[in-house]
């Protein structure tokens, strides 16, 4: 099948799907209407779908008719963000304060489009394609459910993709090795002794202690970490105090850590615990650190898989259809699936188009995409899966 041509012919269906999903945006773990729509569309195609009584999202299965072969997983996330939409599109979210500002509506409609193409091609497929429409990516742990409950067993390879506003619209961005950072979150609670603001010597100032700790955390990056290892330590939330003339007894800080190496993650937690405890003690306070490991880094560790992806893009749209991706400090919870299925990869699909005013970053209320990229994403998913099964289907298993 000429997947590029067929994707062009089915483009209106892909756009229709995207508009529905965008209008009916739902937050993490709440994607019931989204899941119902996806299941309905997949069943209309004659594709069997697995749903879950205690969780949103679904897994569809297309079994090739040329015989047994490997199983490949394609994944799209489906949840939206708590953001007020300002995109100006005529299919804006109908739910105030909830918007697909990270392109997950695009991902889901692209994967539905790929499902149509692969279903039409099933007589020529030697092996199985599974399609994971994943809930709650924005909650950092949405993918864990499917792995931890055994729904992703027996899968030989996997691929995920994300629309990317720093890449030219429609171009696939691929990179071997480290691609996206791990994500860890932390919460620091400082305990002091409250007193009147005019008599600070009678108390222990939790705000001053927290401020010293905050500054100390920055030394992890500049003085403890190897400068050749990328690392970000950011405090994004500070809460303390009740009134201007009270020295407060409690201060709370929350933040995030992004890096690529497992060793760096461990170093940060160990060093942070020491800084928090010792600086608090120096200020006459105590402090607690809650440190959560959320997502491992995204690492494309199978060069054979990325080679198939590059060749698939070029087969569809010629030279220039793909480019080398740059590392990103953002995180992606498909990495949990990648840890479970070692032969996995992740790619970006460029969506920047200055002429169409598609210039805003992810997680922005004005984020929008040129919908011409949707058919290209669907064709790429389908071509990649078909090429993988063609290449691996003849190998001894």
Protein backbone atom coordinates (compact mmCIF):
# COMPACT_ATOMS: atom_id res chain seq x y z
CA UNK A 1 0.00 0.00 0.00
CA UNK A 2 1.06 3.55 -0.68
CA UNK A 3 0.50 4.82 2.86
CA UNK A 4 1.19 8.45 1.96
CA UNK A 5 -1.46 8.41 -0.77
CA UNK A 6 -4.00 6.57 1.38
CA UNK A 7 -3.41 8.93 4.31
CA UNK A 8 -4.09 11.84 1.95
CA UNK A 9 -7.36 10.19 0.92
CA UNK A 10 -8.44 9.66 4.54
CA UNK A 11 -7.22 13.04 5.80
CA UNK A 12 -10.73 14.39 6.40
CA UNK A 13 -11.49 11.53 8.79
CA UNK A 14 -8.28 12.18 10.74
CA UNK A 15 -9.14 15.88 11.04
CA UNK A 16 -12.71 15.05 12.09
CA UNK A 17 -11.35 12.83 14.86
CA UNK A 18 -8.96 15.53 15.99
CA UNK A 19 -11.71 18.15 16.15
CA UNK A 20 -13.96 15.93 18.27
CA UNK A 21 -11.16 15.07 20.68
CA UNK A 22 -10.07 18.71 20.93
CA UNK A 23 -13.59 19.91 21.65
CA UNK A 24 -14.11 17.22 24.29
CA UNK A 25 -10.80 17.62 26.12
CA UNK A 26 -10.56 15.72 29.41
CA UNK A 27 -8.00 15.76 32.21
CA UNK A 28 -5.78 12.88 33.28
CA UNK A 29 -7.65 9.82 34.60
CA UNK A 30 -10.95 11.40 33.48
CA UNK A 31 -10.81 10.55 29.76
CA UNK A 32 -14.08 8.57 29.69
CA UNK A 33 -15.74 10.32 26.73
CA UNK A 34 -12.42 10.31 24.88
CA UNK A 35 -12.02 6.57 25.45
CA UNK A 36 -15.61 5.87 24.39
CA UNK A 37 -15.07 7.80 21.15
CA UNK A 38 -11.83 5.97 20.38
CA UNK A 39 -13.41 2.58 21.06
CA UNK A 40 -16.39 3.43 18.85
CA UNK A 41 -14.20 4.53 15.93
CA UNK A 42 -11.93 1.49 16.21
CA UNK A 43 -14.88 -0.90 16.34
CA UNK A 44 -16.35 0.76 13.24
CA UNK A 45 -13.12 -0.26 11.49
CA UNK A 46 -13.61 -3.85 12.66
CA UNK A 47 -10.66 -3.70 15.05
CA UNK A 48 -11.03 -5.50 18.41
CA UNK A 49 -10.46 -3.24 21.41
CA UNK A 50 -9.57 -3.98 25.02
CA UNK A 51 -10.89 -1.62 27.70
CA UNK A 52 -10.43 -1.62 31.46
CA UNK A 53 -13.09 -1.50 34.20
CA UNK A 54 -10.96 0.62 36.52
CA UNK A 55 -8.98 2.77 34.08
CA UNK A 56 -9.31 4.90 30.97
CA UNK A 57 -7.60 4.41 27.62
CA UNK A 58 -7.72 1.30 25.47
CA UNK A 59 -5.60 -1.16 23.48
CA UNK A 60 -6.56 -2.18 19.94
CA UNK A 61 -5.11 -5.17 18.10
CA UNK A 62 -4.62 -5.66 14.35
CA UNK A 63 -3.48 -9.21 13.61
CA UNK A 64 -1.86 -9.68 10.23
CA UNK A 65 -3.12 -12.49 8.01
CA UNK A 66 0.21 -13.54 6.48
CA UNK A 67 1.02 -15.70 9.49
CA UNK A 68 2.64 -15.43 12.87
CA UNK A 69 5.30 -12.83 13.38
CA UNK A 70 6.49 -10.23 15.87
CA UNK A 71 4.25 -7.81 17.73
CA UNK A 72 4.84 -4.07 17.60
CA UNK A 73 3.16 -1.44 19.76
CA UNK A 74 2.25 2.07 18.59
CA UNK A 75 1.21 4.51 21.31
CA UNK A 76 -0.68 7.80 21.58
CA UNK A 77 -1.55 9.66 24.78
CA UNK A 78 -5.05 11.09 25.14
CA UNK A 79 -5.32 13.46 28.13
CA UNK A 80 -5.57 17.25 28.19
CA UNK A 81 -4.29 19.99 30.51
CA UNK A 82 -5.88 22.39 33.03
CA UNK A 83 -5.34 25.42 30.76
CA UNK A 84 -7.81 28.01 29.47
CA UNK A 85 -7.84 27.83 25.67
CA UNK A 86 -6.86 30.93 23.69
CA UNK A 87 -6.00 29.26 20.38
CA UNK A 88 -8.75 30.94 18.38
CA UNK A 89 -9.73 27.75 16.52
CA UNK A 90 -13.41 27.21 15.78
CA UNK A 91 -13.33 23.77 17.43
CA UNK A 92 -12.05 25.00 20.79
CA UNK A 93 -12.56 22.99 23.96
CA UNK A 94 -16.11 23.05 25.26
CA UNK A 95 -14.87 22.63 28.83
CA UNK A 96 -13.63 25.91 30.36
CA UNK A 97 -10.14 25.58 31.77
CA UNK A 98 -9.38 22.28 30.04
CA UNK A 99 -7.45 22.24 26.75
CA UNK A 100 -5.41 19.95 24.54
CA UNK A 101 -2.40 22.26 24.82
CA UNK A 102 0.14 19.48 24.42
CA UNK A 103 -1.17 17.96 21.20
CA UNK A 104 -2.52 14.71 22.60
CA UNK A 105 -5.64 15.17 20.48
CA UNK A 106 -3.29 15.14 17.49
CA UNK A 107 -1.55 12.00 18.72
CA UNK A 108 -4.82 10.12 19.21
CA UNK A 109 -6.26 11.16 15.83
CA UNK A 110 -2.97 10.29 14.12
CA UNK A 111 -3.03 6.82 15.66
CA UNK A 112 -6.67 6.36 14.65
CA UNK A 113 -5.61 7.31 11.13
CA UNK A 114 -2.79 4.77 11.24
CA UNK A 115 -5.27 2.16 12.47
CA UNK A 116 -7.41 2.69 9.35
CA UNK A 117 -4.40 2.24 7.09
CA UNK A 118 -3.07 -0.84 8.87
CA UNK A 119 -6.50 -2.48 9.03
CA UNK A 120 -6.80 -2.10 5.26
CA UNK A 121 -3.34 -3.66 4.93
CA UNK A 122 -3.84 -6.56 7.40
CA UNK A 123 -3.80 -9.23 4.68
CA UNK A 124 -0.19 -8.23 3.94
CA UNK A 125 1.03 -8.03 7.54
CA UNK A 126 3.03 -10.89 9.05
CA UNK A 127 2.67 -10.23 12.73
CA UNK A 128 0.58 -8.08 15.03
CA UNK A 129 0.19 -4.35 15.61
CA UNK A 130 -1.09 -3.18 18.98
CA UNK A 131 -2.33 0.38 19.41
CA UNK A 132 -2.17 1.85 22.90
CA UNK A 133 -4.32 4.93 23.50
CA UNK A 134 -2.81 5.87 26.84
CA UNK A 135 -4.44 7.79 29.65
CA UNK A 136 -2.88 10.31 32.02
CA UNK A 137 0.50 11.05 30.46
CA UNK A 138 0.39 14.51 32.02
CA UNK A 139 0.19 12.89 35.47
CA UNK A 140 3.65 11.36 34.86
CA UNK A 141 2.47 7.82 35.71
CA UNK A 142 -0.33 7.13 33.24
CA UNK A 143 1.60 4.44 31.37
CA UNK A 144 2.40 2.48 34.53
CA UNK A 145 -1.06 0.91 34.72
CA UNK A 146 -0.76 -0.94 31.41
CA UNK A 147 2.73 -2.24 32.20
CA UNK A 148 2.13 -3.12 35.85
CA UNK A 149 -1.10 -5.00 35.09
CA UNK A 150 0.52 -7.11 32.39
CA UNK A 151 -1.29 -5.67 29.38
CA UNK A 152 1.95 -5.04 27.46
CA UNK A 153 3.44 -8.53 27.65
CA UNK A 154 4.62 -10.34 24.52
CA UNK A 155 5.48 -7.16 22.63
CA UNK A 156 8.74 -7.14 20.66
CA UNK A 157 9.08 -3.44 19.87
CA UNK A 158 7.32 -0.15 20.52
CA UNK A 159 7.20 3.39 19.21
CA UNK A 160 5.72 6.63 20.48
CA UNK A 161 5.64 10.08 18.92
CA UNK A 162 4.95 13.66 20.02
CA UNK A 163 4.13 16.78 18.02
CA UNK A 164 7.01 19.21 18.44
CA UNK A 165 6.75 23.00 18.01
CA UNK A 166 10.45 23.57 17.34
CA UNK A 167 10.47 21.33 14.27
CA UNK A 168 9.19 22.27 10.79
CA UNK A 169 5.59 21.16 10.27
CA UNK A 170 5.40 17.57 9.05
CA UNK A 171 9.07 16.67 9.46
CA UNK A 172 9.89 13.64 11.62
CA UNK A 173 12.71 14.25 14.11
CA UNK A 174 14.70 11.16 15.12
CA UNK A 175 17.74 10.66 17.33
CA UNK A 176 19.72 7.68 18.60
CA UNK A 177 20.52 7.57 22.31
CA UNK A 178 19.31 10.10 24.89
CA UNK A 179 16.32 12.12 23.70
CA UNK A 180 14.28 13.33 26.69
CA UNK A 181 15.11 13.81 30.36
CA UNK A 182 13.97 11.87 33.37
CA UNK A 183 11.55 13.58 35.73
CA UNK A 184 11.70 13.51 39.52
CA UNK A 185 9.69 15.74 41.84
CA UNK A 186 10.43 16.83 45.38
CA UNK A 187 8.70 18.50 48.30
CA UNK A 188 10.60 20.10 51.18
CA UNK A 189 8.81 21.02 54.41
CA UNK A 190 10.71 23.22 56.87
CA UNK A 191 9.62 23.41 60.51
CA UNK A 192 10.60 26.31 62.78
CA UNK A 193 9.07 28.17 65.72
CA UNK A 194 6.64 31.02 65.13
CA UNK A 195 6.89 34.32 66.92
CA UNK A 196 6.01 38.00 66.56
CA UNK A 197 7.66 39.69 63.60
CA UNK A 198 9.19 42.30 65.89
CA UNK A 199 10.94 39.65 68.01
CA UNK A 200 12.53 37.15 65.58
CA UNK A 201 15.11 36.10 68.17
CA UNK A 202 12.37 34.29 70.09
CA UNK A 203 11.53 31.99 67.18
CA UNK A 204 13.10 30.00 64.39
CA UNK A 205 12.29 31.48 60.99
CA UNK A 206 11.14 28.76 58.57
CA UNK A 207 11.19 31.21 55.64
CA UNK A 208 14.83 32.15 56.15
CA UNK A 209 15.78 28.47 56.49
CA UNK A 210 13.81 27.60 53.34
CA UNK A 211 15.50 30.44 51.45
CA UNK A 212 18.93 29.15 52.42
CA UNK A 213 17.94 25.63 51.36
CA UNK A 214 16.64 26.91 48.02
CA UNK A 215 19.96 28.60 47.29
CA UNK A 216 21.83 25.51 48.42
CA UNK A 217 19.93 23.36 45.93
CA UNK A 218 21.41 25.38 43.06
CA UNK A 219 24.88 24.31 44.16
CA UNK A 220 23.97 20.72 43.23
CA UNK A 221 24.00 21.81 39.59
CA UNK A 222 26.98 24.17 39.71
CA UNK A 223 29.30 22.49 42.23
CA UNK A 224 28.37 18.81 42.68
CA UNK A 225 27.21 17.69 39.25
CA UNK A 226 29.69 16.90 36.48
CA UNK A 227 29.27 19.86 34.09
CA UNK A 228 29.26 17.42 31.17
CA UNK A 229 26.04 15.86 32.51
CA UNK A 230 22.88 17.86 31.82
CA UNK A 231 20.94 18.62 35.00
CA UNK A 232 18.13 20.99 35.98
CA UNK A 233 16.95 21.52 39.57
CA UNK A 234 14.02 23.94 39.75
CA UNK A 235 11.84 25.07 42.64
CA UNK A 236 8.51 26.09 41.17
CA UNK A 237 6.35 26.57 44.24
CA UNK A 238 7.00 28.15 47.65
CA UNK A 239 4.30 28.41 50.32
CA UNK A 240 4.81 30.05 53.71
CA UNK A 241 3.33 32.47 56.20
CA UNK A 242 -0.10 33.70 57.25
CA UNK A 243 0.40 37.39 58.05
CA UNK A 244 2.98 40.14 57.54
CA UNK A 245 3.94 40.44 61.21
CA UNK A 246 4.27 36.76 62.09
CA UNK A 247 7.49 34.78 61.79
CA UNK A 248 6.04 31.57 60.39
CA UNK A 249 6.85 28.12 61.68
CA UNK A 250 6.33 26.28 58.38
CA UNK A 251 7.55 26.72 54.82
CA UNK A 252 6.98 24.32 51.93
CA UNK A 253 8.84 24.19 48.61
CA UNK A 254 8.09 21.97 45.63
CA UNK A 255 10.17 21.45 42.53
CA UNK A 256 11.40 19.18 39.79
CA UNK A 257 14.66 17.54 38.73
CA UNK A 258 15.48 16.76 35.09
CA UNK A 259 18.52 14.83 33.86
CA UNK A 260 19.47 11.91 31.62
CA UNK A 261 21.78 9.57 33.57
CA UNK A 262 20.51 7.20 36.27
CA UNK A 263 23.62 7.94 38.31
CA UNK A 264 22.79 11.64 38.26
CA UNK A 265 19.29 11.00 39.59
CA UNK A 266 20.69 9.07 42.56
CA UNK A 267 23.33 11.74 43.23
CA UNK A 268 20.74 14.51 43.30
CA UNK A 269 18.53 12.81 45.87
CA UNK A 270 21.47 11.94 48.12
CA UNK A 271 22.91 15.47 47.96
CA UNK A 272 19.53 17.12 48.37
CA UNK A 273 18.84 15.16 51.56
CA UNK A 274 22.12 16.32 53.02
CA UNK A 275 21.55 19.96 52.07
CA UNK A 276 18.00 20.01 53.42
CA UNK A 277 18.89 18.42 56.75
CA UNK A 278 22.11 20.31 57.41
CA UNK A 279 21.00 23.80 56.36
CA UNK A 280 17.77 23.48 58.32
CA UNK A 281 19.78 22.45 61.39
CA UNK A 282 22.14 25.40 60.94
CA UNK A 283 19.10 27.70 61.10
CA UNK A 284 17.76 25.96 64.21
CA UNK A 285 14.97 24.28 62.24
CA UNK A 286 14.13 20.79 61.04
CA UNK A 287 13.11 19.76 57.53
CA UNK A 288 11.69 16.79 55.65
CA UNK A 289 12.29 15.84 52.03
CA UNK A 290 9.81 13.84 49.98
CA UNK A 291 11.54 12.73 46.77
CA UNK A 292 9.60 10.95 44.01
CA UNK A 293 11.10 9.16 41.01
CA UNK A 294 8.46 9.63 38.32
CA UNK A 295 9.74 9.00 34.80
CA UNK A 296 13.03 7.58 33.53
CA UNK A 297 14.73 9.30 30.62
CA UNK A 298 13.74 8.54 27.03
CA UNK A 299 16.62 6.71 25.38
CA UNK A 300 16.45 5.33 21.85
CA UNK A 301 18.72 2.38 22.48
CA UNK A 302 18.02 0.23 19.42
CA UNK A 303 19.74 1.72 16.34
CA UNK A 304 18.07 -0.86 14.10
CA UNK A 305 14.68 0.51 15.10
CA UNK A 306 15.61 4.15 14.46
CA UNK A 307 17.05 3.06 11.08
CA UNK A 308 13.67 1.55 10.17
CA UNK A 309 12.01 4.81 11.22
CA UNK A 310 14.31 6.98 9.10
CA UNK A 311 13.83 4.74 6.08
CA UNK A 312 10.06 4.74 6.58
CA UNK A 313 9.91 8.54 6.62
CA UNK A 314 12.07 8.80 3.52
CA UNK A 315 10.07 6.11 1.72
CA UNK A 316 6.92 8.15 2.32
CA UNK A 317 8.04 11.70 1.58
CA UNK A 318 11.57 11.55 0.20
CA UNK A 319 14.83 13.15 1.38
CA UNK A 320 14.18 15.80 3.99
CA UNK A 321 11.22 13.92 5.45
CA UNK A 322 13.22 13.43 8.63
CA UNK A 323 15.95 15.31 10.47
CA UNK A 324 18.16 14.72 13.47
CA UNK A 325 16.34 15.56 16.70
CA UNK A 326 17.94 17.61 19.45
CA UNK A 327 17.84 16.46 23.06
CA UNK A 328 14.97 17.90 25.09
CA UNK A 329 14.87 18.60 28.82
CA UNK A 330 11.17 17.79 28.96
CA UNK A 331 9.98 14.37 30.05
CA UNK A 332 7.65 11.72 28.66
CA UNK A 333 6.10 8.80 30.52
CA UNK A 334 6.33 6.50 27.50
CA UNK A 335 9.82 6.00 28.95
CA UNK A 336 8.26 3.58 31.45
CA UNK A 337 7.01 1.47 28.54
CA UNK A 338 10.45 1.74 26.92
CA UNK A 339 12.07 0.37 30.07
CA UNK A 340 9.70 -2.60 29.85
CA UNK A 341 10.17 -3.13 26.09
CA UNK A 342 13.89 -2.53 25.44
CA UNK A 343 13.51 -2.43 21.65
CA UNK A 344 11.61 0.86 21.68
CA UNK A 345 11.95 4.33 20.25
CA UNK A 346 10.41 7.78 20.48
CA UNK A 347 10.25 10.44 17.78
CA UNK A 348 9.03 14.00 17.35
CA UNK A 349 6.72 15.27 14.61
CA UNK A 350 7.41 18.91 13.80
CA UNK A 351 4.41 21.25 13.99
CA UNK A 352 5.97 24.72 13.73
CA UNK A 353 4.51 26.74 10.86
CA UNK A 354 5.09 30.50 10.97
CA UNK A 355 2.88 31.16 7.95
CA UNK A 356 -0.04 29.44 9.67
CA UNK A 357 0.75 31.16 13.02
CA UNK A 358 1.48 27.77 14.61
CA UNK A 359 4.30 29.24 16.67
CA UNK A 360 3.38 28.78 20.32
CA UNK A 361 5.03 26.28 22.67
CA UNK A 362 3.46 23.25 24.29
CA UNK A 363 1.41 23.92 27.44
CA UNK A 364 0.43 27.36 26.15
CA UNK A 365 -3.21 28.44 25.81
CA UNK A 366 -2.48 29.64 22.25
CA UNK A 367 -0.88 26.36 21.13
CA UNK A 368 -2.14 25.16 17.74
CA UNK A 369 -0.93 23.01 14.87
CA UNK A 370 -1.23 23.02 11.09
CA UNK A 371 -3.43 20.00 10.51
CA UNK A 372 -1.50 19.02 7.38
CA UNK A 373 0.87 17.20 9.73
CA UNK A 374 -1.81 14.73 10.86
CA UNK A 375 -1.90 12.68 7.65
CA UNK A 376 1.90 12.57 7.64
CA UNK A 377 1.97 11.30 11.21
CA UNK A 378 -0.60 8.61 10.40
CA UNK A 379 1.29 7.48 7.31
CA UNK A 380 4.56 7.40 9.24
CA UNK A 381 3.13 5.28 12.04
CA UNK A 382 1.64 2.83 9.54
CA UNK A 383 4.74 2.67 7.34
CA UNK A 384 7.00 2.14 10.34
CA UNK A 385 4.86 -0.70 11.70
CA UNK A 386 4.51 -2.38 8.31
CA UNK A 387 8.24 -2.10 7.59
CA UNK A 388 9.13 -3.47 11.02
CA UNK A 389 6.88 -6.51 10.55
CA UNK A 390 8.21 -7.03 7.02
CA UNK A 391 11.80 -6.95 8.24
CA UNK A 392 11.33 -8.97 11.40
CA UNK A 393 8.56 -11.28 10.22
CA UNK A 394 10.97 -13.44 8.27
CA UNK A 395 13.48 -13.81 11.08
CA UNK A 396 13.62 -16.94 13.19
CA UNK A 397 11.86 -16.42 16.51
